């Protein structure tokens, strides 16, 4: 039950790290790394996608 209290913090951290970088590859890589730390391989895929979306929105 105590681990569930950390989920919002993990999600916020992953989303904030997905915006790090200057180009799409860097943002996708940092998002994938943050996602992998939070949720393993599935989180890496979601983090990379979030990094790509942040890149598209910032343009």
N, C-alpha and C. Protein backbone atom coordinates (compact mmCIF):
# COMPACT_ATOMS: atom_id res chain seq x y z
N UNK A 1 0.82 -1.20 0.00
CA UNK A 1 0.00 0.00 0.00
C UNK A 1 0.86 1.27 0.00
N UNK A 2 2.00 1.22 0.68
CA UNK A 2 2.83 2.43 0.74
C UNK A 2 3.49 2.73 -0.60
N UNK A 3 3.72 1.70 -1.41
CA UNK A 3 4.33 1.94 -2.72
C UNK A 3 3.38 2.71 -3.64
N UNK A 4 2.09 2.53 -3.44
CA UNK A 4 1.12 3.24 -4.29
C UNK A 4 1.14 4.74 -4.04
N UNK A 5 1.59 5.17 -2.88
CA UNK A 5 1.68 6.61 -2.61
C UNK A 5 2.75 7.27 -3.46
N UNK A 6 3.73 6.50 -3.91
CA UNK A 6 4.84 7.06 -4.69
C UNK A 6 4.54 7.14 -6.18
N UNK A 7 3.50 6.50 -6.64
CA UNK A 7 3.19 6.46 -8.08
C UNK A 7 3.02 7.86 -8.67
N UNK A 8 2.27 8.78 -8.05
CA UNK A 8 2.18 10.13 -8.65
C UNK A 8 3.53 10.84 -8.76
N UNK A 9 4.39 10.63 -7.78
CA UNK A 9 5.72 11.24 -7.85
C UNK A 9 6.54 10.64 -8.98
N UNK A 10 6.45 9.32 -9.16
CA UNK A 10 7.17 8.67 -10.25
C UNK A 10 6.67 9.16 -11.60
N UNK A 11 5.37 9.29 -11.73
CA UNK A 11 4.80 9.75 -13.00
C UNK A 11 5.23 11.19 -13.28
N UNK A 12 5.19 12.04 -12.27
CA UNK A 12 5.61 13.43 -12.45
C UNK A 12 7.08 13.51 -12.83
N UNK A 13 7.90 12.69 -12.21
CA UNK A 13 9.33 12.68 -12.53
C UNK A 13 9.56 12.22 -13.96
N UNK A 14 8.87 11.17 -14.37
CA UNK A 14 9.03 10.66 -15.74
C UNK A 14 8.59 11.69 -16.76
N UNK A 15 7.49 12.37 -16.50
CA UNK A 15 7.02 13.38 -17.46
C UNK A 15 7.94 14.58 -17.51
N UNK A 16 8.49 14.97 -16.38
CA UNK A 16 9.39 16.12 -16.39
C UNK A 16 10.71 15.78 -17.07
N UNK A 17 11.19 14.56 -16.89
CA UNK A 17 12.43 14.17 -17.55
C UNK A 17 12.26 13.91 -19.03
N UNK A 18 11.05 13.63 -19.46
CA UNK A 18 10.84 13.39 -20.89
C UNK A 18 11.02 14.66 -21.70
N UNK A 19 11.02 15.81 -21.06
CA UNK A 19 11.20 17.08 -21.76
C UNK A 19 12.66 17.51 -21.81
N UNK A 20 13.55 16.78 -21.19
CA UNK A 20 14.97 17.14 -21.20
C UNK A 20 15.59 16.85 -22.56
N UNK A 21 16.40 17.74 -23.04
CA UNK A 21 17.10 17.54 -24.31
C UNK A 21 16.82 18.66 -25.28
N UNK A 22 17.63 18.69 -26.33
CA UNK A 22 17.51 19.76 -27.32
C UNK A 22 16.87 19.29 -28.62
N UNK A 23 16.90 17.99 -28.87
CA UNK A 23 16.28 17.48 -30.09
C UNK A 23 15.44 16.25 -29.77
N UNK A 24 14.80 15.69 -30.78
CA UNK A 24 13.87 14.59 -30.55
C UNK A 24 14.57 13.36 -29.97
N UNK A 25 15.77 13.05 -30.45
CA UNK A 25 16.46 11.87 -29.97
C UNK A 25 16.81 11.99 -28.49
N UNK A 26 17.27 13.17 -28.08
CA UNK A 26 17.62 13.37 -26.68
C UNK A 26 16.39 13.32 -25.78
N UNK A 27 15.30 13.93 -26.22
CA UNK A 27 14.08 13.91 -25.42
C UNK A 27 13.50 12.50 -25.32
N UNK A 28 13.53 11.77 -26.41
CA UNK A 28 13.02 10.40 -26.38
C UNK A 28 13.91 9.52 -25.50
N UNK A 29 15.22 9.73 -25.56
CA UNK A 29 16.14 8.93 -24.75
C UNK A 29 15.98 9.23 -23.26
N UNK A 30 15.86 10.50 -22.90
CA UNK A 30 15.69 10.81 -21.48
C UNK A 30 14.32 10.35 -20.98
N UNK A 31 13.32 10.42 -21.81
CA UNK A 31 12.01 9.90 -21.43
C UNK A 31 12.02 8.39 -21.27
N UNK A 32 12.73 7.70 -22.15
CA UNK A 32 12.84 6.25 -22.05
C UNK A 32 13.59 5.84 -20.79
N UNK A 33 14.63 6.57 -20.46
CA UNK A 33 15.38 6.26 -19.25
C UNK A 33 14.53 6.46 -18.00
N UNK A 34 13.83 7.55 -17.95
CA UNK A 34 12.96 7.81 -16.79
C UNK A 34 11.84 6.78 -16.72
N UNK A 35 11.27 6.43 -17.85
CA UNK A 35 10.21 5.43 -17.86
C UNK A 35 10.70 4.05 -17.45
N UNK A 36 11.92 3.72 -17.85
CA UNK A 36 12.48 2.43 -17.47
C UNK A 36 12.72 2.34 -15.97
N UNK A 37 13.14 3.44 -15.38
CA UNK A 37 13.35 3.45 -13.94
C UNK A 37 12.02 3.28 -13.21
N UNK A 38 10.99 3.91 -13.71
CA UNK A 38 9.70 3.88 -13.03
C UNK A 38 8.95 2.57 -13.27
N UNK A 39 8.88 2.12 -14.51
CA UNK A 39 7.99 0.99 -14.81
C UNK A 39 8.62 -0.09 -15.67
N UNK A 40 9.92 -0.13 -15.77
CA UNK A 40 10.57 -1.18 -16.53
C UNK A 40 10.45 -0.99 -18.04
N UNK A 41 10.45 -2.07 -18.80
CA UNK A 41 10.44 -1.97 -20.26
C UNK A 41 9.22 -1.26 -20.83
N UNK A 42 8.07 -1.51 -20.24
CA UNK A 42 6.86 -0.83 -20.72
C UNK A 42 6.97 0.67 -20.47
N UNK A 43 7.51 1.05 -19.33
CA UNK A 43 7.72 2.46 -19.01
C UNK A 43 8.71 3.12 -19.95
N UNK A 44 9.70 2.35 -20.40
CA UNK A 44 10.67 2.90 -21.35
C UNK A 44 10.00 3.27 -22.66
N UNK A 45 9.11 2.42 -23.12
CA UNK A 45 8.39 2.70 -24.37
C UNK A 45 7.48 3.91 -24.21
N UNK A 46 6.76 3.96 -23.10
CA UNK A 46 5.87 5.09 -22.84
C UNK A 46 6.67 6.38 -22.68
N UNK A 47 7.79 6.32 -21.98
CA UNK A 47 8.63 7.50 -21.79
C UNK A 47 9.21 8.02 -23.10
N UNK A 48 9.63 7.11 -23.95
CA UNK A 48 10.14 7.52 -25.26
C UNK A 48 9.05 8.18 -26.08
N UNK A 49 7.85 7.63 -26.02
CA UNK A 49 6.71 8.25 -26.71
C UNK A 49 6.40 9.63 -26.16
N UNK A 50 6.46 9.77 -24.84
CA UNK A 50 6.21 11.07 -24.23
C UNK A 50 7.27 12.09 -24.65
N UNK A 51 8.51 11.66 -24.73
CA UNK A 51 9.58 12.55 -25.19
C UNK A 51 9.36 13.00 -26.62
N UNK A 52 8.91 12.09 -27.48
CA UNK A 52 8.62 12.45 -28.87
C UNK A 52 7.47 13.41 -28.97
N UNK A 53 6.44 13.21 -28.14
CA UNK A 53 5.29 14.11 -28.15
C UNK A 53 5.68 15.50 -27.66
N UNK A 54 6.49 15.55 -26.62
CA UNK A 54 6.95 16.86 -26.11
C UNK A 54 7.74 17.58 -27.18
N UNK A 55 8.55 16.87 -27.94
CA UNK A 55 9.30 17.50 -29.02
C UNK A 55 8.38 18.07 -30.09
N UNK A 56 7.36 17.32 -30.45
CA UNK A 56 6.42 17.77 -31.47
C UNK A 56 5.63 18.97 -30.99
N UNK A 57 5.21 18.95 -29.75
CA UNK A 57 4.42 20.07 -29.21
C UNK A 57 5.28 21.32 -29.08
N UNK A 58 6.55 21.16 -28.72
CA UNK A 58 7.40 22.34 -28.52
C UNK A 58 7.73 23.04 -29.84
N UNK A 59 7.58 22.38 -30.96
CA UNK A 59 7.84 23.00 -32.25
C UNK A 59 6.63 23.74 -32.63
